[in-house]
């Protein structure tokens, strides 16, 4: 299990990465950015009906992290962890949802953050 504070702190390790709270009046939802605009993650709370719609257990605080993921890796991760779900409110082909209160070790969440960051880095 991992906390949002650990994720935000880890994000500070990436060059040109930052996070902000872009939604007026919402001081919980944090967008993780690669550079000034490219999203590589978003921390938020998902509604109960999302968890019900994907047949998942509803965590107490409903905190999730959405990250970009290669399309060939996503099915493997969903089969391995109960806490990896189809992306909430994002493109389900290129994004996935990580439930913070779940069976995913912090080290694996950090690897997913790194991968998502790399996927959004512009190659020169």
N, C-alpha and C. Protein backbone atom coordinates (compact mmCIF):
# COMPACT_ATOMS: atom_id res chain seq x y z
N UNK A 1 0.85 -1.18 0.00
CA UNK A 1 0.00 0.00 0.00
C UNK A 1 0.90 1.24 0.00
N UNK A 2 0.44 2.26 -0.67
CA UNK A 2 1.21 3.49 -0.81
C UNK A 2 0.29 4.68 -0.54
N UNK A 3 0.88 5.79 -0.13
CA UNK A 3 0.08 6.99 0.15
C UNK A 3 0.29 8.03 -0.95
N UNK A 4 -0.65 8.94 -1.03
CA UNK A 4 -0.53 10.02 -2.01
C UNK A 4 0.69 10.89 -1.73
N UNK A 5 1.02 11.07 -0.44
CA UNK A 5 2.18 11.87 -0.06
C UNK A 5 3.47 11.23 -0.58
N UNK A 6 3.57 9.91 -0.50
CA UNK A 6 4.74 9.20 -1.03
C UNK A 6 4.84 9.37 -2.54
N UNK A 7 3.71 9.32 -3.22
CA UNK A 7 3.70 9.49 -4.67
C UNK A 7 4.14 10.90 -5.04
N UNK A 8 3.59 11.90 -4.38
CA UNK A 8 3.96 13.29 -4.69
C UNK A 8 5.44 13.53 -4.40
N UNK A 9 5.94 13.00 -3.31
CA UNK A 9 7.37 13.14 -2.96
C UNK A 9 8.24 12.46 -4.02
N UNK A 10 7.86 11.26 -4.45
CA UNK A 10 8.63 10.52 -5.45
C UNK A 10 8.66 11.27 -6.78
N UNK A 11 7.57 11.93 -7.11
CA UNK A 11 7.47 12.70 -8.36
C UNK A 11 8.55 13.78 -8.43
N UNK A 12 8.96 14.29 -7.29
CA UNK A 12 9.97 15.35 -7.26
C UNK A 12 11.33 14.86 -7.77
N UNK A 13 11.54 13.54 -7.87
CA UNK A 13 12.80 12.99 -8.37
C UNK A 13 12.96 13.09 -9.88
N UNK A 14 11.88 13.29 -10.61
CA UNK A 14 11.94 13.31 -12.07
C UNK A 14 12.32 14.71 -12.58
N UNK A 15 13.23 14.76 -13.56
CA UNK A 15 13.57 16.07 -14.14
C UNK A 15 12.33 16.70 -14.80
N UNK A 16 12.16 17.98 -14.57
CA UNK A 16 11.07 18.75 -15.19
C UNK A 16 9.67 18.29 -14.77
N UNK A 17 9.58 17.47 -13.72
CA UNK A 17 8.25 17.02 -13.26
C UNK A 17 7.73 17.95 -12.18
N UNK A 18 6.43 18.06 -12.13
CA UNK A 18 5.78 18.87 -11.11
C UNK A 18 4.37 18.33 -10.92
N UNK A 19 3.68 18.88 -9.95
CA UNK A 19 2.27 18.56 -9.78
C UNK A 19 1.54 19.82 -9.37
N UNK A 20 0.26 19.85 -9.70
CA UNK A 20 -0.56 20.99 -9.35
C UNK A 20 -1.99 20.54 -9.13
N UNK A 21 -2.80 21.49 -8.71
CA UNK A 21 -4.22 21.25 -8.42
C UNK A 21 -5.04 22.15 -9.35
N UNK A 22 -5.28 21.69 -10.60
CA UNK A 22 -5.84 22.57 -11.62
C UNK A 22 -7.36 22.78 -11.57
N UNK A 23 -8.05 22.04 -10.73
CA UNK A 23 -9.51 22.13 -10.75
C UNK A 23 -9.98 23.03 -9.62
N UNK A 24 -10.65 24.09 -9.99
CA UNK A 24 -11.07 25.11 -9.06
C UNK A 24 -11.87 24.51 -7.89
N UNK A 25 -11.44 24.82 -6.68
CA UNK A 25 -12.13 24.36 -5.49
C UNK A 25 -11.78 22.94 -5.08
N UNK A 26 -10.97 22.24 -5.88
CA UNK A 26 -10.58 20.86 -5.58
C UNK A 26 -9.10 20.85 -5.19
N UNK A 27 -8.83 20.72 -3.91
CA UNK A 27 -7.46 20.73 -3.42
C UNK A 27 -6.97 19.32 -3.09
N UNK A 28 -7.66 18.33 -3.63
CA UNK A 28 -7.25 16.94 -3.45
C UNK A 28 -6.67 16.37 -4.75
N UNK A 29 -7.35 16.62 -5.86
CA UNK A 29 -6.93 16.07 -7.14
C UNK A 29 -5.66 16.75 -7.61
N UNK A 30 -4.59 15.94 -7.75
CA UNK A 30 -3.29 16.47 -8.17
C UNK A 30 -2.92 15.87 -9.53
N UNK A 31 -2.57 16.74 -10.46
CA UNK A 31 -2.12 16.31 -11.78
C UNK A 31 -0.59 16.31 -11.78
N UNK A 32 0.00 15.17 -12.17
CA UNK A 32 1.45 15.02 -12.26
C UNK A 32 1.84 15.35 -13.69
N UNK A 33 2.74 16.30 -13.83
CA UNK A 33 3.09 16.79 -15.17
C UNK A 33 4.56 16.55 -15.50
N UNK A 34 4.78 16.23 -16.77
CA UNK A 34 6.11 16.10 -17.32
C UNK A 34 6.33 17.37 -18.14
N UNK A 35 7.10 18.29 -17.62
CA UNK A 35 7.21 19.60 -18.26
C UNK A 35 6.04 20.46 -17.82
N UNK A 36 5.67 21.40 -18.65
CA UNK A 36 4.62 22.33 -18.27
C UNK A 36 3.20 21.82 -18.50
N UNK A 37 3.05 20.86 -19.44
CA UNK A 37 1.68 20.48 -19.77
C UNK A 37 1.40 18.99 -19.84
N UNK A 38 2.36 18.16 -20.21
CA UNK A 38 2.12 16.73 -20.45
C UNK A 38 1.81 15.99 -19.16
N UNK A 39 0.64 15.40 -19.06
CA UNK A 39 0.25 14.63 -17.88
C UNK A 39 0.91 13.25 -17.91
N UNK A 40 1.45 12.82 -16.76
CA UNK A 40 1.88 11.43 -16.66
C UNK A 40 1.19 10.73 -15.50
N UNK A 41 0.34 11.45 -14.80
CA UNK A 41 -0.44 10.83 -13.74
C UNK A 41 -1.44 11.81 -13.16
N UNK A 42 -2.41 11.25 -12.47
CA UNK A 42 -3.37 12.06 -11.75
C UNK A 42 -3.80 11.29 -10.50
N UNK A 43 -3.72 11.96 -9.37
CA UNK A 43 -4.18 11.41 -8.10
C UNK A 43 -5.55 11.99 -7.81
N UNK A 44 -6.51 11.13 -7.49
CA UNK A 44 -7.87 11.61 -7.23
C UNK A 44 -8.66 10.56 -6.47
N UNK A 45 -9.89 10.88 -6.19
CA UNK A 45 -10.82 9.91 -5.61
C UNK A 45 -11.82 9.53 -6.70
N UNK A 46 -12.10 8.25 -6.78
CA UNK A 46 -13.09 7.76 -7.74
C UNK A 46 -14.40 7.50 -7.02
N UNK A 47 -15.52 7.69 -7.69
CA UNK A 47 -16.81 7.43 -7.05
C UNK A 47 -17.05 5.93 -6.87
N UNK A 48 -17.91 5.60 -5.92
CA UNK A 48 -18.23 4.20 -5.64
C UNK A 48 -18.73 3.47 -6.88
N UNK A 49 -19.52 4.15 -7.70
CA UNK A 49 -20.09 3.46 -8.87
C UNK A 49 -19.01 3.03 -9.88
N UNK A 50 -17.85 3.71 -9.88
CA UNK A 50 -16.75 3.26 -10.75
C UNK A 50 -16.29 1.87 -10.31
N UNK A 51 -16.04 1.69 -9.02
CA UNK A 51 -15.56 0.41 -8.51
C UNK A 51 -16.60 -0.69 -8.76
N UNK A 52 -17.86 -0.34 -8.56
CA UNK A 52 -18.93 -1.32 -8.83
C UNK A 52 -18.97 -1.70 -10.31
N UNK A 53 -18.76 -0.71 -11.18
CA UNK A 53 -18.86 -0.97 -12.63
C UNK A 53 -17.75 -1.88 -13.14
N UNK A 54 -16.61 -1.92 -12.46
CA UNK A 54 -15.51 -2.79 -12.90
C UNK A 54 -15.40 -4.03 -12.01
N UNK A 55 -16.36 -4.21 -11.11
CA UNK A 55 -16.40 -5.40 -10.26
C UNK A 55 -15.30 -5.45 -9.22
N UNK A 56 -14.88 -4.29 -8.74
CA UNK A 56 -13.80 -4.22 -7.76
C UNK A 56 -14.34 -3.90 -6.37
N UNK A 57 -13.58 -4.30 -5.38
CA UNK A 57 -13.90 -3.96 -4.00
C UNK A 57 -13.76 -2.44 -3.83
N UNK A 58 -14.65 -1.82 -3.07
CA UNK A 58 -14.62 -0.38 -2.89
C UNK A 58 -13.72 -0.06 -1.69
N UNK A 59 -12.56 0.60 -1.94
CA UNK A 59 -11.68 0.95 -0.83
C UNK A 59 -12.29 2.06 0.02
N UNK A 60 -11.90 2.10 1.27
CA UNK A 60 -12.47 3.06 2.22
C UNK A 60 -12.34 4.50 1.73
N UNK A 61 -11.15 4.90 1.29
CA UNK A 61 -10.97 6.31 0.90
C UNK A 61 -11.10 6.56 -0.60
N UNK A 62 -11.21 5.49 -1.41
CA UNK A 62 -11.41 5.56 -2.86
C UNK A 62 -10.31 6.34 -3.60
N UNK A 63 -9.12 6.42 -3.01
CA UNK A 63 -8.01 7.12 -3.65
C UNK A 63 -7.38 6.26 -4.74
N UNK A 64 -7.16 6.90 -5.90
CA UNK A 64 -6.56 6.20 -7.03
C UNK A 64 -5.47 7.06 -7.67
N UNK A 65 -4.65 6.39 -8.45
CA UNK A 65 -3.65 7.04 -9.27
C UNK A 65 -3.83 6.51 -10.68
N UNK A 66 -3.99 7.40 -11.64
CA UNK A 66 -4.04 7.00 -13.05
C UNK A 66 -2.67 7.26 -13.66
N UNK A 67 -2.14 6.28 -14.40
CA UNK A 67 -0.86 6.42 -15.08
C UNK A 67 -0.96 5.88 -16.49
N UNK A 68 -0.09 6.39 -17.37
CA UNK A 68 0.01 5.85 -18.73
C UNK A 68 0.72 4.51 -18.64
N UNK A 69 0.37 3.61 -19.55
CA UNK A 69 0.95 2.27 -19.54
C UNK A 69 0.94 1.71 -20.96
N UNK A 70 2.01 1.02 -21.35
CA UNK A 70 2.00 0.39 -22.67
C UNK A 70 0.84 -0.60 -22.78
N UNK A 71 0.23 -0.66 -23.94
CA UNK A 71 -0.94 -1.51 -24.12
C UNK A 71 -0.65 -2.99 -23.90
N UNK A 72 0.58 -3.44 -24.16
CA UNK A 72 0.90 -4.86 -23.97
C UNK A 72 1.18 -5.22 -22.51
N UNK A 73 1.49 -4.25 -21.67
CA UNK A 73 1.77 -4.50 -20.26
C UNK A 73 0.50 -4.46 -19.40
N UNK A 74 -0.45 -3.67 -19.80
CA UNK A 74 -1.66 -3.45 -19.01
C UNK A 74 -2.41 -4.75 -18.65
N UNK A 75 -2.68 -5.66 -19.58
CA UNK A 75 -3.40 -6.90 -19.22
C UNK A 75 -2.64 -7.75 -18.20
N UNK A 76 -1.32 -7.79 -18.31
CA UNK A 76 -0.50 -8.54 -17.36
C UNK A 76 -0.66 -7.98 -15.95
N UNK A 77 -0.60 -6.65 -15.82
CA UNK A 77 -0.72 -6.01 -14.51
C UNK A 77 -2.10 -6.21 -13.91
N UNK A 78 -3.14 -6.11 -14.76
CA UNK A 78 -4.51 -6.31 -14.27
C UNK A 78 -4.72 -7.74 -13.78
N UNK A 79 -4.05 -8.71 -14.42
CA UNK A 79 -4.17 -10.10 -13.99
C UNK A 79 -3.38 -10.37 -12.71
N UNK A 80 -2.31 -9.63 -12.51
CA UNK A 80 -1.44 -9.86 -11.35
C UNK A 80 -1.96 -9.21 -10.07
N UNK A 81 -2.55 -8.02 -10.18
CA UNK A 81 -2.97 -7.25 -9.01
C UNK A 81 -4.46 -6.94 -9.04
N UNK A 82 -5.11 -7.14 -7.92
CA UNK A 82 -6.53 -6.75 -7.80
C UNK A 82 -6.68 -5.23 -7.84
N UNK A 83 -5.63 -4.52 -7.43
CA UNK A 83 -5.68 -3.05 -7.35
C UNK A 83 -5.33 -2.33 -8.64
N UNK A 84 -5.18 -3.05 -9.73
CA UNK A 84 -4.98 -2.42 -11.04
C UNK A 84 -6.24 -2.64 -11.85
N UNK A 85 -6.84 -1.53 -12.25
CA UNK A 85 -8.15 -1.56 -12.89
C UNK A 85 -8.12 -0.79 -14.21
N UNK A 86 -9.15 -0.97 -15.04
CA UNK A 86 -9.25 -0.13 -16.23
C UNK A 86 -9.29 1.34 -15.80
N UNK A 87 -8.72 2.19 -16.58
CA UNK A 87 -8.59 3.59 -16.20
C UNK A 87 -9.95 4.24 -15.93
N UNK A 88 -9.98 4.97 -14.83
CA UNK A 88 -11.16 5.76 -14.50
C UNK A 88 -11.02 7.11 -15.19
N UNK A 89 -12.01 7.47 -15.97
CA UNK A 89 -12.13 8.80 -16.57
C UNK A 89 -11.00 9.13 -17.55
N UNK A 90 -10.31 8.10 -18.08
CA UNK A 90 -9.22 8.31 -19.03
C UNK A 90 -9.35 7.24 -20.13
N UNK A 91 -8.54 7.37 -21.15
CA UNK A 91 -8.50 6.40 -22.23
C UNK A 91 -8.05 5.05 -21.69
N UNK A 92 -8.91 4.06 -21.76
CA UNK A 92 -8.64 2.75 -21.16
C UNK A 92 -7.59 1.95 -21.92
N UNK A 93 -7.27 2.36 -23.12
CA UNK A 93 -6.24 1.66 -23.89
C UNK A 93 -4.84 2.08 -23.44
N UNK A 94 -4.67 3.34 -23.10
CA UNK A 94 -3.35 3.88 -22.79
C UNK A 94 -3.12 4.22 -21.32
N UNK A 95 -4.14 4.14 -20.51
CA UNK A 95 -4.04 4.48 -19.10
C UNK A 95 -4.60 3.34 -18.26
N UNK A 96 -4.15 3.26 -17.01
CA UNK A 96 -4.75 2.33 -16.06
C UNK A 96 -4.87 3.01 -14.70
N UNK A 97 -5.67 2.42 -13.85
CA UNK A 97 -5.90 2.96 -12.51
C UNK A 97 -5.24 2.06 -11.48
N UNK A 98 -4.53 2.69 -10.56
CA UNK A 98 -3.90 2.01 -9.43
C UNK A 98 -4.67 2.43 -8.18
N UNK A 99 -5.24 1.47 -7.48
CA UNK A 99 -5.94 1.76 -6.23
C UNK A 99 -4.89 1.83 -5.13
N UNK A 100 -4.82 2.97 -4.43
CA UNK A 100 -3.77 3.15 -3.44
C UNK A 100 -3.91 2.18 -2.27
N UNK A 101 -5.12 1.92 -1.82
CA UNK A 101 -5.38 0.96 -0.74
C UNK A 101 -5.57 -0.41 -1.36
N UNK A 102 -4.48 -1.03 -1.79
CA UNK A 102 -4.64 -2.32 -2.46
C UNK A 102 -3.39 -3.17 -2.29
N UNK A 103 -3.32 -4.21 -3.09
CA UNK A 103 -2.26 -5.22 -2.99
C UNK A 103 -0.99 -4.87 -3.76
N UNK A 104 -0.87 -3.68 -4.28
CA UNK A 104 0.28 -3.32 -5.10
C UNK A 104 1.40 -2.76 -4.21
N UNK A 105 2.58 -3.38 -4.23
CA UNK A 105 3.69 -2.87 -3.43
C UNK A 105 4.12 -1.47 -3.89
N UNK A 106 4.59 -0.66 -2.97
CA UNK A 106 5.01 0.70 -3.28
C UNK A 106 6.06 0.71 -4.39
N UNK A 107 7.00 -0.23 -4.36
CA UNK A 107 8.04 -0.28 -5.39
C UNK A 107 7.47 -0.45 -6.79
N UNK A 108 6.42 -1.23 -6.93
CA UNK A 108 5.79 -1.40 -8.23
C UNK A 108 5.05 -0.14 -8.67
N UNK A 109 4.45 0.56 -7.73
CA UNK A 109 3.79 1.84 -8.06
C UNK A 109 4.84 2.83 -8.55
N UNK A 110 6.00 2.87 -7.87
CA UNK A 110 7.07 3.77 -8.30
C UNK A 110 7.55 3.42 -9.72
N UNK A 111 7.65 2.13 -10.02
CA UNK A 111 8.05 1.70 -11.37
C UNK A 111 7.03 2.15 -12.40
N UNK A 112 5.74 2.05 -12.05
CA UNK A 112 4.69 2.50 -12.97
C UNK A 112 4.76 4.01 -13.19
N UNK A 113 5.07 4.76 -12.14
CA UNK A 113 5.24 6.21 -12.28
C UNK A 113 6.40 6.53 -13.21
N UNK A 114 7.52 5.82 -13.04
CA UNK A 114 8.68 6.03 -13.91
C UNK A 114 8.33 5.71 -15.36
N UNK A 115 7.65 4.61 -15.57
CA UNK A 115 7.26 4.21 -16.92
C UNK A 115 6.34 5.25 -17.54
N UNK A 116 5.36 5.71 -16.79
CA UNK A 116 4.43 6.72 -17.29
C UNK A 116 5.17 8.01 -17.63
N UNK A 117 6.08 8.41 -16.77
CA UNK A 117 6.89 9.60 -17.02
C UNK A 117 7.67 9.43 -18.32
N UNK A 118 8.32 8.27 -18.47
CA UNK A 118 9.11 8.01 -19.68
C UNK A 118 8.23 8.03 -20.94
N UNK A 119 7.03 7.50 -20.84
CA UNK A 119 6.13 7.47 -22.00
C UNK A 119 5.70 8.88 -22.44
N UNK A 120 5.76 9.83 -21.51
CA UNK A 120 5.33 11.19 -21.84
C UNK A 120 6.51 12.12 -22.10
N UNK A 121 7.72 11.57 -22.06
CA UNK A 121 8.91 12.38 -22.35
C UNK A 121 9.10 12.46 -23.85
N UNK A 122 9.23 13.68 -24.34
CA UNK A 122 9.41 13.90 -25.77
C UNK A 122 10.83 13.48 -26.14
N UNK A 123 10.92 12.58 -27.09
CA UNK A 123 12.22 12.12 -27.57
C UNK A 123 12.74 13.07 -28.64
N UNK A 124 14.01 13.44 -28.53
CA UNK A 124 14.59 14.37 -29.52
C UNK A 124 15.43 13.64 -30.52
